Structure formats: structure tokens, C-alpha cells
Amino acid sequence: LLIATGKKTPNGFAVSRDETNDTFYGRVSNSHANLMENIPLFFLVVCVNAIIVDNNHNNNGDGGAPDVSSQAWWYAKVRLAQALIHWVSVSDNAATVRFMFFLASLGFLVQMALLTIGIL
């Protein structure tokens, strides 16, 4: 909301770690931290899905969760794109594009979760 109202620029938020975005090392370090922020949720969704798919396959039953491997690959691709953009630039435009890739990754994560629990 701060960005939408013009009170802050996309790259105007304080860095929450010791490293800064002034150096390539700092940008790589910060992008690594960004990549790791949702990894527990990603692993949870993928592992639960794999267990349900495997149980359904072993029991030859219906109603198991669909395979979400294509969504998982797209999640990984957009997270990688977010990191690479962070390595290259910290401008307002780059921060906005990084945020769009972050939103896309959340969309894939939510889609995988909803497919796993059978809502989609």
C-alpha cells in the first residue's frame, strides 16, 4: 500500500540483514535469503502431495491428489528469475519486477496446495 500511495518507492524499504544491496555480494546474499523464505511451505506442499499421490497409486484408489510437478517447476523458475533480477539491479523497476515474480511464485504455491487438498 505504501508503494501504491506513493509514500515509498519499490526499492525504498530498509534491508533487514547486515548485508547491503550496494555490492554484488550483498545482492546475492539478500537474494539467497529471499529464495529461502518460502522453502518450508514449498517442501510441505510438495511432500504432502507426493505422499497422497503415492498412497493413491499404491492403493489403486481414486481420489488422490493430482501431480503438481509442473507447478513446482514453474515455482522454481519464477523464484530463480526473481533472484537473478536481484543480482543485476536494485532499481525501482527491478524491484517491481522482482515483486511480480514473487507474487507469481505465491500463486503457484497456492495452486499446488489447492490441487493437493482437492479444491481445484
PDB file of N, CA and C in Angstrom:
ATOM      1  N   LEU A   1       0.808  -1.193   0.000  1.00  0.00           N
ATOM      2  CA  LEU A   1       0.000   0.000   0.000  1.00  0.00           C
ATOM      3  C   LEU A   1       0.855   1.263   0.000  1.00  0.00           C
ATOM      4  N   LEU A   2       2.001   1.197   0.661  1.00  0.00           N
ATOM      5  CA  LEU A   2       2.875   2.363   0.677  1.00  0.00           C
ATOM      6  C   LEU A   2       3.366   2.713  -0.719  1.00  0.00           C
ATOM      7  N   ILE A   3       3.615   1.691  -1.526  1.00  0.00           N
ATOM      8  CA  ILE A   3       4.062   1.939  -2.898  1.00  0.00           C
ATOM      9  C   ILE A   3       2.913   2.477  -3.730  1.00  0.00           C
ATOM     10  N   ALA A   4       1.737   1.872  -3.578  1.00  0.00           N
ATOM     11  CA  ALA A   4       0.576   2.284  -4.357  1.00  0.00           C
ATOM     12  C   ALA A   4       0.176   3.728  -4.056  1.00  0.00           C
ATOM     13  N   THR A   5       0.358   4.164  -2.815  1.00  0.00           N
ATOM     14  CA  THR A   5       0.006   5.534  -2.457  1.00  0.00           C
ATOM     15  C   THR A   5       1.127   6.532  -2.719  1.00  0.00           C
ATOM     16  N   GLY A   6       2.287   6.037  -3.161  1.00  0.00           N
ATOM     17  CA  GLY A   6       3.408   6.909  -3.495  1.00  0.00           C
ATOM     18  C   GLY A   6       4.247   7.336  -2.300  1.00  0.00           C
ATOM     19  N   LYS A   7       3.998   6.735  -1.134  1.00  0.00           N
ATOM     20  CA  LYS A   7       4.759   7.105   0.063  1.00  0.00           C
ATOM     21  C   LYS A   7       6.136   6.451   0.109  1.00  0.00           C
ATOM     22  N   LYS A   8       6.308   5.363  -0.640  1.00  0.00           N
ATOM     23  CA  LYS A   8       7.605   4.688  -0.714  1.00  0.00           C
ATOM     24  C   LYS A   8       7.832   4.233  -2.143  1.00  0.00           C
ATOM     25  N   THR A   9       9.110   4.133  -2.520  1.00  0.00           N
ATOM     26  CA  THR A   9       9.460   3.567  -3.819  1.00  0.00           C
ATOM     27  C   THR A   9       9.641   2.060  -3.640  1.00  0.00           C
ATOM     28  N   PRO A  10       9.547   1.275  -4.718  1.00  0.00           N
ATOM     29  CA  PRO A  10       9.682  -0.177  -4.577  1.00  0.00           C
ATOM     30  C   PRO A  10      10.989  -0.618  -3.934  1.00  0.00           C
ATOM     31  N   ASN A  11      12.065   0.133  -4.136  1.00  0.00           N
ATOM     32  CA  ASN A  11      13.333  -0.250  -3.526  1.00  0.00           C
ATOM     33  C   ASN A  11      13.658   0.619  -2.312  1.00  0.00           C
ATOM     34  N   GLY A  12      12.667   1.268  -1.723  1.00  0.00           N
ATOM     35  CA  GLY A  12      12.878   2.180  -0.614  1.00  0.00           C
ATOM     36  C   GLY A  12      12.775   1.563   0.766  1.00  0.00           C
ATOM     37  N   PHE A  13      12.580   0.271   0.850  1.00  0.00           N
ATOM     38  CA  PHE A  13      12.452  -0.379   2.147  1.00  0.00           C
ATOM     39  C   PHE A  13      13.827  -0.740   2.691  1.00  0.00           C
ATOM     40  N   ALA A  14      13.979  -0.682   3.991  1.00  0.00           N
ATOM     41  CA  ALA A  14      15.265  -0.974   4.629  1.00  0.00           C
ATOM     42  C   ALA A  14      15.621  -2.441   4.474  1.00  0.00           C
ATOM     43  N   VAL A  15      16.902  -2.711   4.321  1.00  0.00           N
ATOM     44  CA  VAL A  15      17.399  -4.080   4.260  1.00  0.00           C
ATOM     45  C   VAL A  15      17.336  -4.653   5.668  1.00  0.00           C
ATOM     46  N   SER A  16      16.800  -5.854   5.820  1.00  0.00           N
ATOM     47  CA  SER A  16      16.597  -6.421   7.153  1.00  0.00           C
ATOM     48  C   SER A  16      17.762  -7.284   7.619  1.00  0.00           C
ATOM     49  N   ARG A  17      18.831  -7.330   6.839  1.00  0.00           N
ATOM     50  CA  ARG A  17      20.001  -8.120   7.210  1.00  0.00           C
ATOM     51  C   ARG A  17      21.234  -7.221   7.226  1.00  0.00           C
ATOM     52  N   ASP A  18      22.353  -7.761   7.629  1.00  0.00           N
ATOM     53  CA  ASP A  18      23.588  -6.977   7.733  1.00  0.00           C
ATOM     54  C   ASP A  18      24.116  -6.528   6.377  1.00  0.00           C
ATOM     55  N   GLU A  19      23.941  -7.353   5.344  1.00  0.00           N
ATOM     56  CA  GLU A  19      24.470  -7.015   4.034  1.00  0.00           C
ATOM     57  C   GLU A  19      23.629  -5.911   3.394  1.00  0.00           C
ATOM     58  N   THR A  20      24.237  -5.163   2.514  1.00  0.00           N
ATOM     59  CA  THR A  20      23.514  -4.128   1.789  1.00  0.00           C
ATOM     60  C   THR A  20      23.398  -4.548   0.329  1.00  0.00           C
ATOM     61  N   ASN A  21      22.616  -3.795  -0.402  1.00  0.00           N
ATOM     62  CA  ASN A  21      22.465  -4.044  -1.831  1.00  0.00           C
ATOM     63  C   ASN A  21      23.499  -3.279  -2.637  1.00  0.00           C
ATOM     64  N   ASP A  22      24.457  -2.637  -1.964  1.00  0.00           N
ATOM     65  CA  ASP A  22      25.462  -1.822  -2.657  1.00  0.00           C
ATOM     66  C   ASP A  22      26.482  -2.663  -3.414  1.00  0.00           C
ATOM     67  N   THR A  23      26.707  -3.884  -2.984  1.00  0.00           N
ATOM     68  CA  THR A  23      27.704  -4.742  -3.629  1.00  0.00           C
ATOM     69  C   THR A  23      27.025  -5.953  -4.238  1.00  0.00           C
ATOM     70  N   PHE A  24      27.701  -6.558  -5.187  1.00  0.00           N
ATOM     71  CA  PHE A  24      27.163  -7.779  -5.793  1.00  0.00           C
ATOM     72  C   PHE A  24      27.009  -8.860  -4.730  1.00  0.00           C
ATOM     73  N   TYR A  25      28.005  -8.989  -3.851  1.00  0.00           N
ATOM     74  CA  TYR A  25      27.926  -9.976  -2.770  1.00  0.00           C
ATOM     75  C   TYR A  25      26.694  -9.740  -1.902  1.00  0.00           C
ATOM     76  N   GLY A  26      26.422  -8.484  -1.564  1.00  0.00           N
ATOM     77  CA  GLY A  26      25.250  -8.168  -0.752  1.00  0.00           C
ATOM     78  C   GLY A  26      23.951  -8.517  -1.455  1.00  0.00           C
ATOM     79  N   ARG A  27      23.882  -8.242  -2.766  1.00  0.00           N
ATOM     80  CA  ARG A  27      22.671  -8.579  -3.532  1.00  0.00           C
ATOM     81  C   ARG A  27      22.477 -10.087  -3.620  1.00  0.00           C
ATOM     82  N   VAL A  28      23.573 -10.830  -3.828  1.00  0.00           N
ATOM     83  CA  VAL A  28      23.472 -12.300  -3.884  1.00  0.00           C
ATOM     84  C   VAL A  28      23.033 -12.840  -2.532  1.00  0.00           C
ATOM     85  N   SER A  29      23.602 -12.310  -1.462  1.00  0.00           N
ATOM     86  CA  SER A  29      23.239 -12.755  -0.120  1.00  0.00           C
ATOM     87  C   SER A  29      21.765 -12.471   0.174  1.00  0.00           C
ATOM     88  N   ASN A  30      21.311 -11.277  -0.179  1.00  0.00           N
ATOM     89  CA  ASN A  30      19.910 -10.934   0.047  1.00  0.00           C
ATOM     90  C   ASN A  30      18.975 -11.763  -0.828  1.00  0.00           C
ATOM     91  N   SER A  31      19.370 -12.023  -2.062  1.00  0.00           N
ATOM     92  CA  SER A  31      18.510 -12.828  -2.932  1.00  0.00           C
ATOM     93  C   SER A  31      18.438 -14.267  -2.422  1.00  0.00           C
ATOM     94  N   HIS A  32      19.534 -14.770  -1.856  1.00  0.00           N
ATOM     95  CA  HIS A  32      19.516 -16.112  -1.266  1.00  0.00           C
ATOM     96  C   HIS A  32      18.524 -16.161  -0.105  1.00  0.00           C
ATOM     97  N   ALA A  33      18.550 -15.145   0.737  1.00  0.00           N
ATOM     98  CA  ALA A  33      17.592 -15.098   1.846  1.00  0.00           C
ATOM     99  C   ALA A  33      16.158 -15.034   1.323  1.00  0.00           C
ATOM    100  N   ASN A  34      15.944 -14.269   0.247  1.00  0.00           N
ATOM    101  CA  ASN A  34      14.608 -14.205  -0.346  1.00  0.00           C
ATOM    102  C   ASN A  34      14.169 -15.557  -0.882  1.00  0.00           C
ATOM    103  N   LEU A  35      15.099 -16.304  -1.476  1.00  0.00           N
ATOM    104  CA  LEU A  35      14.757 -17.627  -2.005  1.00  0.00           C
ATOM    105  C   LEU A  35      14.356 -18.594  -0.901  1.00  0.00           C
ATOM    106  N   MET A  36      14.961 -18.452   0.259  1.00  0.00           N
ATOM    107  CA  MET A  36      14.727 -19.392   1.349  1.00  0.00           C
ATOM    108  C   MET A  36      13.472 -19.084   2.163  1.00  0.00           C
ATOM    109  N   GLU A  37      12.865 -17.911   1.958  1.00  0.00           N
ATOM    110  CA  GLU A  37      11.772 -17.502   2.831  1.00  0.00           C
ATOM    111  C   GLU A  37      10.531 -18.396   2.719  1.00  0.00           C
ATOM    112  N   ASN A  38      10.266 -18.948   1.564  1.00  0.00           N
ATOM    113  CA  ASN A  38       9.076 -19.796   1.394  1.00  0.00           C
ATOM    114  C   ASN A  38       9.401 -21.266   1.200  1.00  0.00           C
ATOM    115  N   ILE A  39      10.667 -21.641   1.315  1.00  0.00           N
ATOM    116  CA  ILE A  39      11.056 -23.017   1.038  1.00  0.00           C
ATOM    117  C   ILE A  39      10.368 -24.016   1.972  1.00  0.00           C
ATOM    118  N   PRO A  40      10.170 -23.721   3.270  1.00  0.00           N
ATOM    119  CA  PRO A  40       9.460 -24.697   4.108  1.00  0.00           C
ATOM    120  C   PRO A  40       8.030 -24.957   3.628  1.00  0.00           C
ATOM    121  N   LEU A  41       7.335 -23.908   3.196  1.00  0.00           N
ATOM    122  CA  LEU A  41       5.976 -24.100   2.670  1.00  0.00           C
ATOM    123  C   LEU A  41       5.987 -24.906   1.375  1.00  0.00           C
ATOM    124  N   PHE A  42       6.960 -24.609   0.512  1.00  0.00           N
ATOM    125  CA  PHE A  42       7.083 -25.343  -0.744  1.00  0.00           C
ATOM    126  C   PHE A  42       7.315 -26.828  -0.470  1.00  0.00           C
ATOM    127  N   PHE A  43       8.267 -27.136   0.408  1.00  0.00           N
ATOM    128  CA  PHE A  43       8.548 -28.539   0.733  1.00  0.00           C
ATOM    129  C   PHE A  43       7.340 -29.216   1.366  1.00  0.00           C
ATOM    130  N   LEU A  44       6.629 -28.523   2.229  1.00  0.00           N
ATOM    131  CA  LEU A  44       5.445 -29.094   2.863  1.00  0.00           C
ATOM    132  C   LEU A  44       4.399 -29.482   1.817  1.00  0.00           C
ATOM    133  N   VAL A  45       4.094 -28.555   0.922  1.00  0.00           N
ATOM    134  CA  VAL A  45       3.077 -28.821  -0.105  1.00  0.00           C
ATOM    135  C   VAL A  45       3.509 -29.964  -1.022  1.00  0.00           C
ATOM    136  N   VAL A  46       4.760 -29.938  -1.473  1.00  0.00           N
ATOM    137  CA  VAL A  46       5.248 -30.975  -2.389  1.00  0.00           C
ATOM    138  C   VAL A  46       5.294 -32.336  -1.698  1.00  0.00           C
ATOM    139  N   CYS A  47       5.754 -32.379  -0.462  1.00  0.00           N
ATOM    140  CA  CYS A  47       5.832 -33.666   0.253  1.00  0.00           C
ATOM    141  C   CYS A  47       4.450 -34.233   0.546  1.00  0.00           C
ATOM    142  N   VAL A  48       3.524 -33.383   0.994  1.00  0.00           N
ATOM    143  CA  VAL A  48       2.160 -33.862   1.245  1.00  0.00           C
ATOM    144  C   VAL A  48       1.547 -34.364  -0.047  1.00  0.00           C
ATOM    145  N   ASN A  49       1.744 -33.630  -1.139  1.00  0.00           N
ATOM    146  CA  ASN A  49       1.217 -34.069  -2.425  1.00  0.00           C
ATOM    147  C   ASN A  49       1.822 -35.400  -2.841  1.00  0.00           C
ATOM    148  N   ALA A  50       3.126 -35.542  -2.671  1.00  0.00           N
ATOM    149  CA  ALA A  50       3.797 -36.790  -3.055  1.00  0.00           C
ATOM    150  C   ALA A  50       3.281 -37.964  -2.238  1.00  0.00           C
ATOM    151  N   ILE A  51       3.042 -37.757  -0.960  1.00  0.00           N
ATOM    152  CA  ILE A  51       2.517 -38.831  -0.099  1.00  0.00           C
ATOM    153  C   ILE A  51       1.125 -39.227  -0.551  1.00  0.00           C
ATOM    154  N   ILE A  52       0.286 -38.245  -0.836  1.00  0.00           N
ATOM    155  CA  ILE A  52      -1.085 -38.549  -1.274  1.00  0.00           C
ATOM    156  C   ILE A  52      -1.073 -39.246  -2.626  1.00  0.00           C
ATOM    157  N   VAL A  53      -0.280 -38.749  -3.569  1.00  0.00           N
ATOM    158  CA  VAL A  53      -0.192 -39.380  -4.891  1.00  0.00           C
ATOM    159  C   VAL A  53       0.343 -40.794  -4.764  1.00  0.00           C
ATOM    160  N   ASP A  54       1.380 -40.999  -3.951  1.00  0.00           N
ATOM    161  CA  ASP A  54       1.971 -42.321  -3.770  1.00  0.00           C
ATOM    162  C   ASP A  54       0.986 -43.276  -3.107  1.00  0.00           C
ATOM    163  N   ASN A  55       0.279 -42.820  -2.080  1.00  0.00           N
ATOM    164  CA  ASN A  55      -0.713 -43.676  -1.421  1.00  0.00           C
ATOM    165  C   ASN A  55      -1.832 -44.051  -2.368  1.00  0.00           C
ATOM    166  N   ASN A  56      -2.269 -43.110  -3.173  1.00  0.00           N
ATOM    167  CA  ASN A  56      -3.325 -43.392  -4.139  1.00  0.00           C
ATOM    168  C   ASN A  56      -2.843 -44.399  -5.178  1.00  0.00           C
ATOM    169  N   HIS A  57      -1.591 -44.247  -5.621  1.00  0.00           N
ATOM    170  CA  HIS A  57      -1.029 -45.166  -6.609  1.00  0.00           C
ATOM    171  C   HIS A  57      -0.891 -46.575  -6.027  1.00  0.00           C
ATOM    172  N   ASN A  58      -0.405 -46.674  -4.800  1.00  0.00           N
ATOM    173  CA  ASN A  58      -0.211 -47.986  -4.177  1.00  0.00           C
ATOM    174  C   ASN A  58      -1.518 -48.689  -3.865  1.00  0.00           C
ATOM    175  N   ASN A  59      -2.545 -47.900  -3.531  1.00  0.00           N
ATOM    176  CA  ASN A  59      -3.833 -48.496  -3.174  1.00  0.00           C
ATOM    177  C   ASN A  59      -4.750 -48.660  -4.379  1.00  0.00           C
ATOM    178  N   ASN A  60      -4.313 -48.215  -5.538  1.00  0.00           N
ATOM    179  CA  ASN A  60      -5.119 -48.267  -6.763  1.00  0.00           C
ATOM    180  C   ASN A  60      -6.502 -47.661  -6.552  1.00  0.00           C
ATOM    181  N   GLY A  61      -6.560 -46.630  -5.729  1.00  0.00           N
ATOM    182  CA  GLY A  61      -7.843 -45.997  -5.454  1.00  0.00           C
ATOM    183  C   GLY A  61      -8.004 -44.713  -6.221  1.00  0.00           C
ATOM    184  N   ASP A  62      -9.205 -44.199  -6.147  1.00  0.00           N
ATOM    185  CA  ASP A  62      -9.483 -42.910  -6.763  1.00  0.00           C
ATOM    186  C   ASP A  62      -9.455 -41.834  -5.686  1.00  0.00           C
ATOM    187  N   GLY A  63      -9.365 -40.602  -6.114  1.00  0.00           N
ATOM    188  CA  GLY A  63      -9.452 -39.501  -5.180  1.00  0.00           C
ATOM    189  C   GLY A  63      -8.127 -38.991  -4.659  1.00  0.00           C
ATOM    190  N   GLY A  64      -7.028 -39.479  -5.168  1.00  0.00           N
ATOM    191  CA  GLY A  64      -5.731 -38.971  -4.735  1.00  0.00           C
ATOM    192  C   GLY A  64      -5.451 -37.606  -5.326  1.00  0.00           C
ATOM    193  N   ALA A  65      -4.482 -36.940  -4.786  1.00  0.00           N
ATOM    194  CA  ALA A  65      -4.124 -35.611  -5.280  1.00  0.00           C
ATOM    195  C   ALA A  65      -3.467 -35.715  -6.652  1.00  0.00           C
ATOM    196  N   PRO A  66      -3.692 -34.741  -7.514  1.00  0.00           N
ATOM    197  CA  PRO A  66      -3.031 -34.741  -8.818  1.00  0.00           C
ATOM    198  C   PRO A  66      -1.549 -34.411  -8.671  1.00  0.00           C
ATOM    199  N   ASP A  67      -0.789 -34.794  -9.649  1.00  0.00           N
ATOM    200  CA  ASP A  67       0.637 -34.492  -9.682  1.00  0.00           C
ATOM    201  C   ASP A  67       0.817 -32.985  -9.885  1.00  0.00           C
ATOM    202  N   VAL A  68       1.628 -32.355  -9.052  1.00  0.00           N
ATOM    203  CA  VAL A  68       1.851 -30.911  -9.150  1.00  0.00           C
ATOM    204  C   VAL A  68       3.273 -30.590  -9.610  1.00  0.00           C
ATOM    205  N   SER A  69       3.910 -31.542 -10.270  1.00  0.00           N
ATOM    206  CA  SER A  69       5.313 -31.326 -10.643  1.00  0.00           C
ATOM    207  C   SER A  69       5.482 -30.171 -11.623  1.00  0.00           C
ATOM    208  N   SER A  70       4.549 -29.966 -12.542  1.00  0.00           N
ATOM    209  CA  SER A  70       4.712 -28.848 -13.478  1.00  0.00           C
ATOM    210  C   SER A  70       4.592 -27.507 -12.744  1.00  0.00           C
ATOM    211  N   GLN A  71       3.662 -27.398 -11.782  1.00  0.00           N
ATOM    212  CA  GLN A  71       3.558 -26.174 -10.992  1.00  0.00           C
ATOM    213  C   GLN A  71       4.811 -25.973 -10.139  1.00  0.00           C
ATOM    214  N   ALA A  72       5.368 -27.071  -9.625  1.00  0.00           N
ATOM    215  CA  ALA A  72       6.584 -26.979  -8.815  1.00  0.00           C
ATOM    216  C   ALA A  72       7.755 -26.462  -9.654  1.00  0.00           C
ATOM    217  N   TRP A  73       7.861 -26.937 -10.891  1.00  0.00           N
ATOM    218  CA  TRP A  73       8.928 -26.446 -11.765  1.00  0.00           C
ATOM    219  C   TRP A  73       8.731 -24.970 -12.075  1.00  0.00           C
ATOM    220  N   TRP A  74       7.493 -24.550 -12.336  1.00  0.00           N
ATOM    221  CA  TRP A  74       7.248 -23.134 -12.605  1.00  0.00           C
ATOM    222  C   TRP A  74       7.544 -22.293 -11.372  1.00  0.00           C
ATOM    223  N   TYR A  75       7.206 -22.803 -10.190  1.00  0.00           N
ATOM    224  CA  TYR A  75       7.550 -22.107  -8.945  1.00  0.00           C
ATOM    225  C   TYR A  75       9.060 -21.881  -8.877  1.00  0.00           C
ATOM    226  N   ALA A  76       9.824 -22.927  -9.131  1.00  0.00           N
ATOM    227  CA  ALA A  76      11.290 -22.821  -9.083  1.00  0.00           C
ATOM    228  C   ALA A  76      11.808 -21.828 -10.123  1.00  0.00           C
ATOM    229  N   LYS A  77      11.224 -21.842 -11.312  1.00  0.00           N
ATOM    230  CA  LYS A  77      11.683 -20.936 -12.374  1.00  0.00           C
ATOM    231  C   LYS A  77      11.440 -19.475 -12.024  1.00  0.00           C
ATOM    232  N   VAL A  78      10.260 -19.158 -11.496  1.00  0.00           N
ATOM    233  CA  VAL A  78       9.990 -17.754 -11.180  1.00  0.00           C
ATOM    234  C   VAL A  78      10.796 -17.303  -9.963  1.00  0.00           C
ATOM    235  N   ARG A  79      11.069 -18.208  -9.025  1.00  0.00           N
ATOM    236  CA  ARG A  79      11.932 -17.841  -7.889  1.00  0.00           C
ATOM    237  C   ARG A  79      13.366 -17.580  -8.368  1.00  0.00           C
ATOM    238  N   LEU A  80      13.838 -18.390  -9.300  1.00  0.00           N
ATOM    239  CA  LEU A  80      15.170 -18.179  -9.861  1.00  0.00           C
ATOM    240  C   LEU A  80      15.225 -16.855 -10.625  1.00  0.00           C
ATOM    241  N   ALA A  81      14.196 -16.565 -11.390  1.00  0.00           N
ATOM    242  CA  ALA A  81      14.145 -15.295 -12.121  1.00  0.00           C
ATOM    243  C   ALA A  81      14.163 -14.122 -11.145  1.00  0.00           C
ATOM    244  N   GLN A  82      13.446 -14.240 -10.040  1.00  0.00           N
ATOM    245  CA  GLN A  82      13.443 -13.191  -9.022  1.00  0.00           C
ATOM    246  C   GLN A  82      14.858 -12.968  -8.488  1.00  0.00           C
ATOM    247  N   ALA A  83      15.570 -14.053  -8.205  1.00  0.00           N
ATOM    248  CA  ALA A  83      16.936 -13.938  -7.680  1.00  0.00           C
ATOM    249  C   ALA A  83      17.877 -13.316  -8.709  1.00  0.00           C
ATOM    250  N   LEU A  84      17.774 -13.752  -9.952  1.00  0.00           N
ATOM    251  CA  LEU A  84      18.671 -13.224 -10.986  1.00  0.00           C
ATOM    252  C   LEU A  84      18.461 -11.731 -11.205  1.00  0.00           C
ATOM    253  N   ILE A  85      17.214 -11.289 -11.156  1.00  0.00           N
ATOM    254  CA  ILE A  85      16.947  -9.860 -11.307  1.00  0.00           C
ATOM    255  C   ILE A  85      17.541  -9.098 -10.127  1.00  0.00           C
ATOM    256  N   HIS A  86      17.465  -9.669  -8.938  1.00  0.00           N
ATOM    257  CA  HIS A  86      18.056  -9.033  -7.761  1.00  0.00           C
ATOM    258  C   HIS A  86      19.570  -8.896  -7.918  1.00  0.00           C
ATOM    259  N   TRP A  87      20.209  -9.894  -8.520  1.00  0.00           N
ATOM    260  CA  TRP A  87      21.657  -9.838  -8.738  1.00  0.00           C
ATOM    261  C   TRP A  87      22.034  -8.686  -9.672  1.00  0.00           C
ATOM    262  N   VAL A  88      21.189  -8.444 -10.677  1.00  0.00           N
ATOM    263  CA  VAL A  88      21.517  -7.491 -11.732  1.00  0.00           C
ATOM    264  C   VAL A  88      21.261  -6.046 -11.314  1.00  0.00           C
ATOM    265  N   SER A  89      20.144  -5.796 -10.629  1.00  0.00           N
ATOM    266  CA  SER A  89      19.782  -4.414 -10.349  1.00  0.00           C
ATOM    267  C   SER A  89      18.916  -4.314  -9.099  1.00  0.00           C
ATOM    268  N   VAL A  90      18.971  -3.151  -8.464  1.00  0.00           N
ATOM    269  CA  VAL A  90      18.093  -2.855  -7.332  1.00  0.00           C
ATOM    270  C   VAL A  90      17.286  -1.582  -7.598  1.00  0.00           C
ATOM    271  N   SER A  91      17.121  -1.246  -8.869  1.00  0.00           N
ATOM    272  CA  SER A  91      16.354  -0.052  -9.238  1.00  0.00           C
ATOM    273  C   SER A  91      14.876  -0.254  -8.904  1.00  0.00           C
ATOM    274  N   ASP A  92      14.111   0.840  -8.980  1.00  0.00           N
ATOM    275  CA  ASP A  92      12.672   0.747  -8.730  1.00  0.00           C
ATOM    276  C   ASP A  92      12.006  -0.256  -9.664  1.00  0.00           C
ATOM    277  N   ASN A  93      12.345  -0.173 -10.954  1.00  0.00           N
ATOM    278  CA  ASN A  93      11.741  -1.089 -11.926  1.00  0.00           C
ATOM    279  C   ASN A  93      12.107  -2.542 -11.634  1.00  0.00           C
ATOM    280  N   ALA A  94      13.369  -2.783 -11.293  1.00  0.00           N
ATOM    281  CA  ALA A  94      13.798  -4.150 -10.980  1.00  0.00           C
ATOM    282  C   ALA A  94      13.096  -4.666  -9.733  1.00  0.00           C
ATOM    283  N   ALA A  95      12.933  -3.807  -8.728  1.00  0.00           N
ATOM    284  CA  ALA A  95      12.232  -4.214  -7.511  1.00  0.00           C
ATOM    285  C   ALA A  95      10.777  -4.556  -7.809  1.00  0.00           C
ATOM    286  N   THR A  96      10.156  -3.795  -8.697  1.00  0.00           N
ATOM    287  CA  THR A  96       8.769  -4.086  -9.085  1.00  0.00           C
ATOM    288  C   THR A  96       8.676  -5.414  -9.816  1.00  0.00           C
ATOM    289  N   VAL A  97       9.599  -5.673 -10.735  1.00  0.00           N
ATOM    290  CA  VAL A  97       9.601  -6.946 -11.469  1.00  0.00           C
ATOM    291  C   VAL A  97       9.862  -8.105 -10.508  1.00  0.00           C
ATOM    292  N   ARG A  98      10.793  -7.922  -9.574  1.00  0.00           N
ATOM    293  CA  ARG A  98      11.053  -8.971  -8.570  1.00  0.00           C
ATOM    294  C   ARG A  98       9.793  -9.276  -7.772  1.00  0.00           C
ATOM    295  N   PHE A  99       9.056  -8.235  -7.396  1.00  0.00           N
ATOM    296  CA  PHE A  99       7.829  -8.431  -6.635  1.00  0.00           C
ATOM    297  C   PHE A  99       6.795  -9.181  -7.470  1.00  0.00           C
ATOM    298  N   MET A 100       6.723  -8.900  -8.759  1.00  0.00           N
ATOM    299  CA  MET A 100       5.793  -9.615  -9.634  1.00  0.00           C
ATOM    300  C   MET A 100       6.154 -11.108  -9.701  1.00  0.00           C
ATOM    301  N   PHE A 101       7.452 -11.403  -9.786  1.00  0.00           N
ATOM    302  CA  PHE A 101       7.877 -12.805  -9.775  1.00  0.00           C
ATOM    303  C   PHE A 101       7.570 -13.448  -8.425  1.00  0.00           C
ATOM    304  N   PHE A 102       7.719 -12.697  -7.335  1.00  0.00           N
ATOM    305  CA  PHE A 102       7.371 -13.215  -6.014  1.00  0.00           C
ATOM    306  C   PHE A 102       5.883 -13.547  -5.947  1.00  0.00           C
ATOM    307  N   LEU A 103       5.035 -12.639  -6.453  1.00  0.00           N
ATOM    308  CA  LEU A 103       3.596 -12.908  -6.470  1.00  0.00           C
ATOM    309  C   LEU A 103       3.265 -14.127  -7.330  1.00  0.00           C
ATOM    310  N   ALA A 104       3.948 -14.265  -8.458  1.00  0.00           N
ATOM    311  CA  ALA A 104       3.731 -15.439  -9.307  1.00  0.00           C
ATOM    312  C   ALA A 104       4.103 -16.715  -8.557  1.00  0.00           C
ATOM    313  N   SER A 105       5.212 -16.679  -7.814  1.00  0.00           N
ATOM    314  CA  SER A 105       5.618 -17.873  -7.059  1.00  0.00           C
ATOM    315  C   SER A 105       4.582 -18.212  -5.994  1.00  0.00           C
ATOM    316  N   LEU A 106       4.041 -17.189  -5.325  1.00  0.00           N
ATOM    317  CA  LEU A 106       2.990 -17.451  -4.338  1.00  0.00           C
ATOM    318  C   LEU A 106       1.755 -18.042  -5.015  1.00  0.00           C
ATOM    319  N   GLY A 107       1.454 -17.554  -6.211  1.00  0.00           N
ATOM    320  CA  GLY A 107       0.320 -18.111  -6.951  1.00  0.00           C
ATOM    321  C   GLY A 107       0.505 -19.582  -7.265  1.00  0.00           C
ATOM    322  N   PHE A 108       1.704 -19.956  -7.700  1.00  0.00           N
ATOM    323  CA  PHE A 108       1.971 -21.372  -7.969  1.00  0.00           C
ATOM    324  C   PHE A 108       1.920 -22.196  -6.686  1.00  0.00           C
ATOM    325  N   LEU A 109       2.414 -21.647  -5.580  1.00  0.00           N
ATOM    326  CA  LEU A 109       2.384 -22.359  -4.306  1.00  0.00           C
ATOM    327  C   LEU A 109       0.945 -22.582  -3.838  1.00  0.00           C
ATOM    328  N   VAL A 110       0.117 -21.554  -3.947  1.00  0.00           N
ATOM    329  CA  VAL A 110      -1.292 -21.679  -3.561  1.00  0.00           C
ATOM    330  C   VAL A 110      -2.003 -22.678  -4.480  1.00  0.00           C
ATOM    331  N   GLN A 111      -1.706 -22.603  -5.779  1.00  0.00           N
ATOM    332  CA  GLN A 111      -2.318 -23.545  -6.719  1.00  0.00           C
ATOM    333  C   GLN A 111      -1.940 -24.984  -6.371  1.00  0.00           C
ATOM    334  N   MET A 112      -0.659 -25.214  -6.043  1.00  0.00           N
ATOM    335  CA  MET A 112      -0.231 -26.568  -5.665  1.00  0.00           C
ATOM    336  C   MET A 112      -0.942 -27.031  -4.401  1.00  0.00           C
ATOM    337  N   ALA A 113      -1.082 -26.139  -3.435  1.00  0.00           N
ATOM    338  CA  ALA A 113      -1.758 -26.504  -2.181  1.00  0.00           C
ATOM    339  C   ALA A 113      -3.227 -26.832  -2.438  1.00  0.00           C
ATOM    340  N   LEU A 114      -3.897 -26.002  -3.244  1.00  0.00           N
ATOM    341  CA  LEU A 114      -5.308 -26.239  -3.529  1.00  0.00           C
ATOM    342  C   LEU A 114      -5.533 -27.508  -4.332  1.00  0.00           C
ATOM    343  N   LEU A 115      -4.629 -27.802  -5.271  1.00  0.00           N
ATOM    344  CA  LEU A 115      -4.724 -29.058  -6.006  1.00  0.00           C
ATOM    345  C   LEU A 115      -4.505 -30.245  -5.077  1.00  0.00           C
ATOM    346  N   THR A 116      -3.577 -30.109  -4.146  1.00  0.00           N
ATOM    347  CA  THR A 116      -3.257 -31.193  -3.221  1.00  0.00           C
ATOM    348  C   THR A 116      -4.437 -31.535  -2.332  1.00  0.00           C
ATOM    349  N   ILE A 117      -5.115 -30.508  -1.823  1.00  0.00           N
ATOM    350  CA  ILE A 117      -6.240 -30.787  -0.920  1.00  0.00           C
ATOM    351  C   ILE A 117      -7.562 -30.968  -1.658  1.00  0.00           C
ATOM    352  N   GLY A 118      -7.506 -30.885  -2.987  1.00  0.00           N
ATOM    353  CA  GLY A 118      -8.680 -31.221  -3.793  1.00  0.00           C
ATOM    354  C   GLY A 118      -9.655 -30.108  -4.042  1.00  0.00           C
ATOM    355  N   ILE A 119      -9.280 -28.867  -3.803  1.00  0.00           N
ATOM    356  CA  ILE A 119     -10.206 -27.752  -4.055  1.00  0.00           C
ATOM    357  C   ILE A 119     -10.223 -27.384  -5.528  1.00  0.00           C
ATOM    358  N   LEU A 120      -9.090 -27.509  -6.218  1.00  0.00           N
ATOM    359  CA  LEU A 120      -9.051 -27.211  -7.660  1.00  0.00           C
ATOM    360  C   LEU A 120      -9.152 -28.486  -8.454  1.00  0.00           C
TER     361      LEU A 120
END
